[in-house]
Amino acid sequence: MTPPPPNAPTLTDLAHWLSAALDDPAPLRRDGPAEVRRLALALEPADLPPTLEADALFLHRSRRIGDGWPGLGVLSVHDGFDQQLTTGPNRRLAVKLGWREVREVVWEGRTVGLSATPPQPRWIDLRAALHAELGGEDTSWPPEPASAPLRLALMNAMNPALIGHVAALGVRVYLTGQLRPSAAGAARGLGLGVIALGHRRSELWGLHQLARELRAAFPELETEVYPLAEPR
């Protein structure tokens, strides 16, 4: 006798998993079908097509969903997603890129990022590895001198105080989502290299990483990340 196919996860299963994985107490925003075989993921409702072949949605920002996509369950995580899957203390990205000596960067009692040593000894190779994983950058410039050993910080904000703080920790390359012109002078003055990975680009990396982790946790779950045309 052929065994029955494994059960697909329930909406509650997915909510419990997201709560534990991303430290969010209430990721379920709207009820839907109990069983979820197809999950659509997007950063916000504007990234979704008008109709979906799915049982539920995951949205990073769900405020504007209104009555859209009726009948579908809606899951959403904002702060935990930003904290763990974009810039800042993103240990998943550190593992993917093979960073060593990873340490939390704490500022005013909060964890705001990670410092680490990349496996690439040269600036050009570090940028190439980041481009290969995230699909590019917004802007960058190298540290001075470029030949010294590289230590980097992946940060969820950019201002002169944070730049001074990580420079005192031995950091020579500042990675963040969006370049803040008011802080660029401080970074150049301290000889720090900067790579602005792109706010949306880093969020999309997080969304695809979340889809990979969900498929690993729930083998019967099909996922689709929107918009389809943007790079993984």
C-alpha atoms as a PDB file:
ATOM      1  CA  MET A   1       0.000   0.000   0.000  1.00  0.00           C
ATOM      2  CA  THR A   2       1.292   3.427  -0.940  1.00  0.00           C
ATOM      3  CA  PRO A   3       1.705   5.601   2.157  1.00  0.00           C
ATOM      4  CA  PRO A   4      -0.310   8.830   2.206  1.00  0.00           C
ATOM      5  CA  PRO A   5       1.567  11.996   1.247  1.00  0.00           C
ATOM      6  CA  PRO A   6       2.938  14.021   4.158  1.00  0.00           C
ATOM      7  CA  ASN A   7       0.602  16.660   5.462  1.00  0.00           C
ATOM      8  CA  ALA A   8       1.133  20.244   4.421  1.00  0.00           C
ATOM      9  CA  PRO A   9       1.717  22.686   7.287  1.00  0.00           C
ATOM     10  CA  THR A  10      -1.213  24.496   8.804  1.00  0.00           C
ATOM     11  CA  LEU A  11      -1.397  28.270   9.029  1.00  0.00           C
ATOM     12  CA  THR A  12      -0.847  27.867  12.762  1.00  0.00           C
ATOM     13  CA  ASP A  13       2.273  25.751  12.148  1.00  0.00           C
ATOM     14  CA  LEU A  14       3.729  28.527   9.997  1.00  0.00           C
ATOM     15  CA  ALA A  15       2.824  31.191  12.534  1.00  0.00           C
ATOM     16  CA  HIS A  16       4.504  29.251  15.350  1.00  0.00           C
ATOM     17  CA  TRP A  17       7.625  28.689  13.264  1.00  0.00           C
ATOM     18  CA  LEU A  18       7.892  32.372  12.308  1.00  0.00           C
ATOM     19  CA  SER A  19       7.364  33.396  15.917  1.00  0.00           C
ATOM     20  CA  ALA A  20      10.287  31.249  17.043  1.00  0.00           C
ATOM     21  CA  ALA A  21      12.570  31.923  14.063  1.00  0.00           C
ATOM     22  CA  LEU A  22      12.126  35.711  13.949  1.00  0.00           C
ATOM     23  CA  ASP A  23      11.188  36.469  17.550  1.00  0.00           C
ATOM     24  CA  ASP A  24       7.731  37.857  16.779  1.00  0.00           C
ATOM     25  CA  PRO A  25       4.910  37.176  19.259  1.00  0.00           C
ATOM     26  CA  ALA A  26       2.011  37.364  16.771  1.00  0.00           C
ATOM     27  CA  PRO A  27       2.892  36.852  13.092  1.00  0.00           C
ATOM     28  CA  LEU A  28      -0.631  35.733  12.106  1.00  0.00           C
ATOM     29  CA  ARG A  29      -2.481  38.804  10.794  1.00  0.00           C
ATOM     30  CA  ARG A  30      -5.485  37.200   9.046  1.00  0.00           C
ATOM     31  CA  ASP A  31      -7.029  33.757   9.145  1.00  0.00           C
ATOM     32  CA  GLY A  32      -7.293  31.653   6.024  1.00  0.00           C
ATOM     33  CA  PRO A  33      -7.279  28.008   4.935  1.00  0.00           C
ATOM     34  CA  ALA A  34      -6.075  25.769   7.724  1.00  0.00           C
ATOM     35  CA  GLU A  35      -3.718  23.855   5.397  1.00  0.00           C
ATOM     36  CA  VAL A  36      -1.098  25.821   3.463  1.00  0.00           C
ATOM     37  CA  ARG A  37       0.478  24.138   0.451  1.00  0.00           C
ATOM     38  CA  ARG A  38       1.392  27.324  -1.411  1.00  0.00           C
ATOM     39  CA  LEU A  39       2.802  30.414   0.287  1.00  0.00           C
ATOM     40  CA  ALA A  40       3.476  33.697  -1.528  1.00  0.00           C
ATOM     41  CA  LEU A  41       6.112  35.987  -0.006  1.00  0.00           C
ATOM     42  CA  ALA A  42       6.576  39.699  -0.675  1.00  0.00           C
ATOM     43  CA  LEU A  43       7.940  42.766   1.041  1.00  0.00           C
ATOM     44  CA  GLU A  44       4.629  44.634   0.740  1.00  0.00           C
ATOM     45  CA  PRO A  45       1.250  44.360  -1.013  1.00  0.00           C
ATOM     46  CA  ALA A  46       2.363  46.557  -3.939  1.00  0.00           C
ATOM     47  CA  ASP A  47       4.792  43.803  -4.987  1.00  0.00           C
ATOM     48  CA  LEU A  48       2.005  41.246  -5.498  1.00  0.00           C
ATOM     49  CA  PRO A  49      -0.096  40.584  -8.629  1.00  0.00           C
ATOM     50  CA  PRO A  50      -3.873  41.128  -8.372  1.00  0.00           C
ATOM     51  CA  THR A  51      -4.550  37.391  -8.177  1.00  0.00           C
ATOM     52  CA  LEU A  52      -2.473  34.645  -6.628  1.00  0.00           C
ATOM     53  CA  GLU A  53      -2.457  30.868  -6.736  1.00  0.00           C
ATOM     54  CA  ALA A  54      -1.674  30.539  -3.054  1.00  0.00           C
ATOM     55  CA  ASP A  55      -3.242  29.609   0.261  1.00  0.00           C
ATOM     56  CA  ALA A  56      -1.482  32.259   2.334  1.00  0.00           C
ATOM     57  CA  LEU A  57       0.775  35.304   2.159  1.00  0.00           C
ATOM     58  CA  PHE A  58       3.844  36.375   4.050  1.00  0.00           C
ATOM     59  CA  LEU A  59       4.370  40.152   3.976  1.00  0.00           C
ATOM     60  CA  HIS A  60       7.222  42.037   5.582  1.00  0.00           C
ATOM     61  CA  ARG A  61       5.017  45.155   5.648  1.00  0.00           C
ATOM     62  CA  SER A  62       1.316  44.285   5.795  1.00  0.00           C
ATOM     63  CA  ARG A  63      -0.352  47.563   6.808  1.00  0.00           C
ATOM     64  CA  ARG A  64      -1.791  48.342   3.376  1.00  0.00           C
ATOM     65  CA  ILE A  65      -3.226  44.959   2.561  1.00  0.00           C
ATOM     66  CA  GLY A  66      -6.795  45.999   3.449  1.00  0.00           C
ATOM     67  CA  ASP A  67      -9.268  43.543   1.956  1.00  0.00           C
ATOM     68  CA  GLY A  68      -6.933  42.466  -0.830  1.00  0.00           C
ATOM     69  CA  TRP A  69      -6.516  38.795  -1.741  1.00  0.00           C
ATOM     70  CA  PRO A  70      -9.628  37.643   0.125  1.00  0.00           C
ATOM     71  CA  GLY A  71      -9.617  34.126   1.492  1.00  0.00           C
ATOM     72  CA  LEU A  72      -5.846  33.958   1.900  1.00  0.00           C
ATOM     73  CA  GLY A  73      -4.242  33.795   5.321  1.00  0.00           C
ATOM     74  CA  VAL A  74      -1.778  36.582   6.036  1.00  0.00           C
ATOM     75  CA  LEU A  75       1.450  36.258   8.028  1.00  0.00           C
ATOM     76  CA  SER A  76       3.709  39.213   8.703  1.00  0.00           C
ATOM     77  CA  VAL A  77       6.903  40.003  10.615  1.00  0.00           C
ATOM     78  CA  HIS A  78       8.449  43.471  10.556  1.00  0.00           C
ATOM     79  CA  ASP A  79      10.997  44.121  13.317  1.00  0.00           C
ATOM     80  CA  GLY A  80      12.291  40.576  13.605  1.00  0.00           C
ATOM     81  CA  PHE A  81      12.715  40.363   9.832  1.00  0.00           C
ATOM     82  CA  ASP A  82      14.693  43.625   9.762  1.00  0.00           C
ATOM     83  CA  GLN A  83      16.807  42.555  12.714  1.00  0.00           C
ATOM     84  CA  GLN A  84      17.733  39.086  11.529  1.00  0.00           C
ATOM     85  CA  LEU A  85      17.426  39.001   7.745  1.00  0.00           C
ATOM     86  CA  THR A  86      18.645  42.348   6.363  1.00  0.00           C
ATOM     87  CA  THR A  87      21.541  44.523   7.562  1.00  0.00           C
ATOM     88  CA  GLY A  88      22.384  44.558  11.251  1.00  0.00           C
ATOM     89  CA  PRO A  89      22.948  41.377  13.300  1.00  0.00           C
ATOM     90  CA  ASN A  90      22.253  39.075  10.353  1.00  0.00           C
ATOM     91  CA  ARG A  91      24.044  35.875  11.341  1.00  0.00           C
ATOM     92  CA  ARG A  92      22.466  33.994   8.445  1.00  0.00           C
ATOM     93  CA  LEU A  93      24.322  36.207   5.962  1.00  0.00           C
ATOM     94  CA  ALA A  94      27.515  35.851   7.992  1.00  0.00           C
ATOM     95  CA  VAL A  95      27.256  32.053   7.704  1.00  0.00           C
ATOM     96  CA  LYS A  96      26.495  32.167   3.969  1.00  0.00           C
ATOM     97  CA  LEU A  97      29.550  34.339   3.339  1.00  0.00           C
ATOM     98  CA  GLY A  98      31.866  32.372   5.609  1.00  0.00           C
ATOM     99  CA  TRP A  99      32.669  35.234   7.963  1.00  0.00           C
ATOM    100  CA  ARG A 100      34.855  34.395  10.960  1.00  0.00           C
ATOM    101  CA  GLU A 101      35.226  35.847  14.463  1.00  0.00           C
ATOM    102  CA  VAL A 102      31.642  37.111  14.360  1.00  0.00           C
ATOM    103  CA  ARG A 103      30.718  39.373  17.272  1.00  0.00           C
ATOM    104  CA  GLU A 104      27.701  41.488  18.088  1.00  0.00           C
ATOM    105  CA  VAL A 105      28.045  45.262  17.918  1.00  0.00           C
ATOM    106  CA  VAL A 106      26.209  46.800  20.873  1.00  0.00           C
ATOM    107  CA  TRP A 107      25.374  50.509  20.980  1.00  0.00           C
ATOM    108  CA  GLU A 108      23.474  52.198  23.820  1.00  0.00           C
ATOM    109  CA  GLY A 109      22.352  48.831  25.139  1.00  0.00           C
ATOM    110  CA  ARG A 110      21.050  47.553  21.779  1.00  0.00           C
ATOM    111  CA  THR A 111      22.532  45.077  19.306  1.00  0.00           C
ATOM    112  CA  VAL A 112      22.824  47.099  16.100  1.00  0.00           C
ATOM    113  CA  GLY A 113      25.054  44.906  13.977  1.00  0.00           C
ATOM    114  CA  LEU A 114      27.863  42.391  13.684  1.00  0.00           C
ATOM    115  CA  SER A 115      31.595  42.711  13.299  1.00  0.00           C
ATOM    116  CA  ALA A 116      33.452  39.933  11.500  1.00  0.00           C
ATOM    117  CA  THR A 117      36.510  38.960   9.511  1.00  0.00           C
ATOM    118  CA  PRO A 118      35.694  37.967   5.916  1.00  0.00           C
ATOM    119  CA  PRO A 119      37.579  35.129   4.234  1.00  0.00           C
ATOM    120  CA  GLN A 120      38.615  37.522   1.443  1.00  0.00           C
ATOM    121  CA  PRO A 121      41.851  39.385   2.251  1.00  0.00           C
ATOM    122  CA  ARG A 122      41.387  41.903  -0.572  1.00  0.00           C
ATOM    123  CA  TRP A 123      38.764  44.617  -0.997  1.00  0.00           C
ATOM    124  CA  ILE A 124      38.030  43.658  -4.598  1.00  0.00           C
ATOM    125  CA  ASP A 125      37.323  40.061  -3.579  1.00  0.00           C
ATOM    126  CA  LEU A 126      35.115  41.102  -0.655  1.00  0.00           C
ATOM    127  CA  ARG A 127      32.979  43.245  -2.970  1.00  0.00           C
ATOM    128  CA  ALA A 128      32.770  40.408  -5.497  1.00  0.00           C
ATOM    129  CA  ALA A 129      31.538  37.990  -2.823  1.00  0.00           C
ATOM    130  CA  LEU A 130      28.876  40.451  -1.632  1.00  0.00           C
ATOM    131  CA  HIS A 131      27.751  41.113  -5.216  1.00  0.00           C
ATOM    132  CA  ALA A 132      27.498  37.397  -5.927  1.00  0.00           C
ATOM    133  CA  GLU A 133      25.315  36.824  -2.853  1.00  0.00           C
ATOM    134  CA  LEU A 134      23.134  39.944  -2.892  1.00  0.00           C
ATOM    135  CA  GLY A 135      23.155  40.914  -6.563  1.00  0.00           C
ATOM    136  CA  GLY A 136      25.046  44.207  -6.370  1.00  0.00           C
ATOM    137  CA  GLU A 137      25.324  47.386  -4.330  1.00  0.00           C
ATOM    138  CA  ASP A 138      24.254  51.031  -4.376  1.00  0.00           C
ATOM    139  CA  THR A 139      27.677  52.594  -3.855  1.00  0.00           C
ATOM    140  CA  SER A 140      31.046  51.909  -2.230  1.00  0.00           C
ATOM    141  CA  TRP A 141      34.607  53.085  -1.685  1.00  0.00           C
ATOM    142  CA  PRO A 142      37.629  51.183  -0.332  1.00  0.00           C
ATOM    143  CA  PRO A 143      39.342  51.627   3.031  1.00  0.00           C
ATOM    144  CA  GLU A 144      42.655  53.456   3.346  1.00  0.00           C
ATOM    145  CA  PRO A 145      45.111  51.869   3.183  1.00  0.00           C
ATOM    146  CA  ALA A 146      43.459  49.210   1.053  1.00  0.00           C
ATOM    147  CA  SER A 147      46.236  46.680   1.678  1.00  0.00           C
ATOM    148  CA  ALA A 148      45.680  46.303   5.447  1.00  0.00           C
ATOM    149  CA  PRO A 149      43.749  43.266   6.808  1.00  0.00           C
ATOM    150  CA  LEU A 150      39.978  43.631   6.507  1.00  0.00           C
ATOM    151  CA  ARG A 151      37.558  43.615   9.429  1.00  0.00           C
ATOM    152  CA  LEU A 152      33.983  44.579   8.637  1.00  0.00           C
ATOM    153  CA  ALA A 153      30.802  45.632  10.404  1.00  0.00           C
ATOM    154  CA  LEU A 154      27.296  44.883   9.098  1.00  0.00           C
ATOM    155  CA  MET A 155      25.115  47.640  10.561  1.00  0.00           C
ATOM    156  CA  ASN A 156      21.415  48.545  10.534  1.00  0.00           C
ATOM    157  CA  ALA A 157      22.084  52.305  10.625  1.00  0.00           C
ATOM    158  CA  MET A 158      24.771  54.783   9.605  1.00  0.00           C
ATOM    159  CA  ASN A 159      25.752  57.893  11.521  1.00  0.00           C
ATOM    160  CA  PRO A 160      29.032  59.471  12.666  1.00  0.00           C
ATOM    161  CA  ALA A 161      28.731  58.099  16.208  1.00  0.00           C
ATOM    162  CA  LEU A 162      28.299  54.504  15.013  1.00  0.00           C
ATOM    163  CA  ILE A 163      31.157  54.905  12.558  1.00  0.00           C
ATOM    164  CA  GLY A 164      33.453  56.089  15.342  1.00  0.00           C
ATOM    165  CA  HIS A 165      32.263  53.253  17.569  1.00  0.00           C
ATOM    166  CA  VAL A 166      33.058  50.456  15.100  1.00  0.00           C
ATOM    167  CA  ALA A 167      36.333  52.078  14.042  1.00  0.00           C
ATOM    168  CA  ALA A 168      37.432  51.844  17.685  1.00  0.00           C
ATOM    169  CA  LEU A 169      36.661  48.094  17.487  1.00  0.00           C
ATOM    170  CA  GLY A 170      39.138  47.679  14.626  1.00  0.00           C
ATOM    171  CA  VAL A 171      36.557  47.717  11.812  1.00  0.00           C
ATOM    172  CA  ARG A 172      37.810  48.936   8.428  1.00  0.00           C
ATOM    173  CA  VAL A 173      34.766  48.304   6.192  1.00  0.00           C
ATOM    174  CA  TYR A 174      31.262  49.519   7.056  1.00  0.00           C
ATOM    175  CA  LEU A 175      28.404  47.581   5.438  1.00  0.00           C
ATOM    176  CA  THR A 176      24.889  48.963   5.640  1.00  0.00           C
ATOM    177  CA  GLY A 177      21.707  49.185   3.611  1.00  0.00           C
ATOM    178  CA  GLN A 178      21.540  52.851   2.680  1.00  0.00           C
ATOM    179  CA  LEU A 179      24.308  55.448   2.492  1.00  0.00           C
ATOM    180  CA  ARG A 180      23.787  58.454   4.736  1.00  0.00           C
ATOM    181  CA  PRO A 181      25.644  61.418   3.212  1.00  0.00           C
ATOM    182  CA  SER A 182      25.901  63.063   6.644  1.00  0.00           C
ATOM    183  CA  ALA A 183      28.022  60.122   7.807  1.00  0.00           C
ATOM    184  CA  ALA A 184      30.140  59.678   4.681  1.00  0.00           C
ATOM    185  CA  GLY A 185      32.641  62.331   5.752  1.00  0.00           C
ATOM    186  CA  ALA A 186      33.166  60.647   9.118  1.00  0.00           C
ATOM    187  CA  ALA A 187      33.859  57.314   7.422  1.00  0.00           C
ATOM    188  CA  ARG A 188      36.329  58.832   4.961  1.00  0.00           C
ATOM    189  CA  GLY A 189      38.013  60.794   7.727  1.00  0.00           C
ATOM    190  CA  LEU A 190      38.690  57.584   9.660  1.00  0.00           C
ATOM    191  CA  GLY A 191      39.828  55.706   6.559  1.00  0.00           C
ATOM    192  CA  LEU A 192      36.858  53.311   6.573  1.00  0.00           C
ATOM    193  CA  GLY A 193      35.639  51.697   3.411  1.00  0.00           C
ATOM    194  CA  VAL A 194      31.883  51.696   2.904  1.00  0.00           C
ATOM    195  CA  ILE A 195      29.540  49.415   0.990  1.00  0.00           C
ATOM    196  CA  ALA A 196      25.897  50.481   0.823  1.00  0.00           C
ATOM    197  CA  LEU A 197      24.218  47.223  -0.145  1.00  0.00           C
ATOM    198  CA  GLY A 198      20.842  48.806  -0.890  1.00  0.00           C
ATOM    199  CA  HIS A 199      17.834  48.811   1.435  1.00  0.00           C
ATOM    200  CA  ARG A 200      15.506  46.928  -0.909  1.00  0.00           C
ATOM    201  CA  ARG A 201      18.268  44.653  -2.160  1.00  0.00           C
ATOM    202  CA  SER A 202      19.075  43.485   1.359  1.00  0.00           C
ATOM    203  CA  GLU A 203      15.377  43.023   2.150  1.00  0.00           C
ATOM    204  CA  LEU A 204      14.925  40.864  -0.941  1.00  0.00           C
ATOM    205  CA  TRP A 205      17.884  38.741   0.123  1.00  0.00           C
ATOM    206  CA  GLY A 206      16.144  38.252   3.455  1.00  0.00           C
ATOM    207  CA  LEU A 207      12.872  37.317   1.790  1.00  0.00           C
ATOM    208  CA  HIS A 208      14.514  34.640  -0.361  1.00  0.00           C
ATOM    209  CA  GLN A 209      16.454  33.346   2.642  1.00  0.00           C
ATOM    210  CA  LEU A 210      13.205  33.098   4.602  1.00  0.00           C
ATOM    211  CA  ALA A 211      11.611  31.143   1.745  1.00  0.00           C
ATOM    212  CA  ARG A 212      14.564  28.718   1.756  1.00  0.00           C
ATOM    213  CA  GLU A 213      14.283  28.166   5.500  1.00  0.00           C
ATOM    214  CA  LEU A 214      10.524  27.621   5.310  1.00  0.00           C
ATOM    215  CA  ARG A 215      10.945  25.000   2.577  1.00  0.00           C
ATOM    216  CA  ALA A 216      13.570  23.235   4.674  1.00  0.00           C
ATOM    217  CA  ALA A 217      11.308  23.250   7.731  1.00  0.00           C
ATOM    218  CA  PHE A 218       8.166  22.217   5.791  1.00  0.00           C
ATOM    219  CA  PRO A 219       9.085  20.013   2.784  1.00  0.00           C
ATOM    220  CA  GLU A 220       5.488  19.955   1.516  1.00  0.00           C
ATOM    221  CA  LEU A 221       5.325  23.749   1.319  1.00  0.00           C
ATOM    222  CA  GLU A 222       5.682  25.485  -2.062  1.00  0.00           C
ATOM    223  CA  THR A 223       6.931  29.070  -1.920  1.00  0.00           C
ATOM    224  CA  GLU A 224       6.995  31.904  -4.461  1.00  0.00           C
ATOM    225  CA  VAL A 225       8.772  35.200  -3.849  1.00  0.00           C
ATOM    226  CA  TYR A 226       7.417  38.360  -5.470  1.00  0.00           C
ATOM    227  CA  PRO A 227       8.147  40.327  -7.564  1.00  0.00           C
ATOM    228  CA  LEU A 228       9.292  37.470  -9.772  1.00  0.00           C
ATOM    229  CA  ALA A 229      11.556  39.614 -11.971  1.00  0.00           C
ATOM    230  CA  GLU A 230      13.891  40.766  -9.194  1.00  0.00           C
ATOM    231  CA  PRO A 231      17.095  38.863  -8.445  1.00  0.00           C
ATOM    232  CA  ARG A 232      17.409  36.332  -5.681  1.00  0.00           C
END
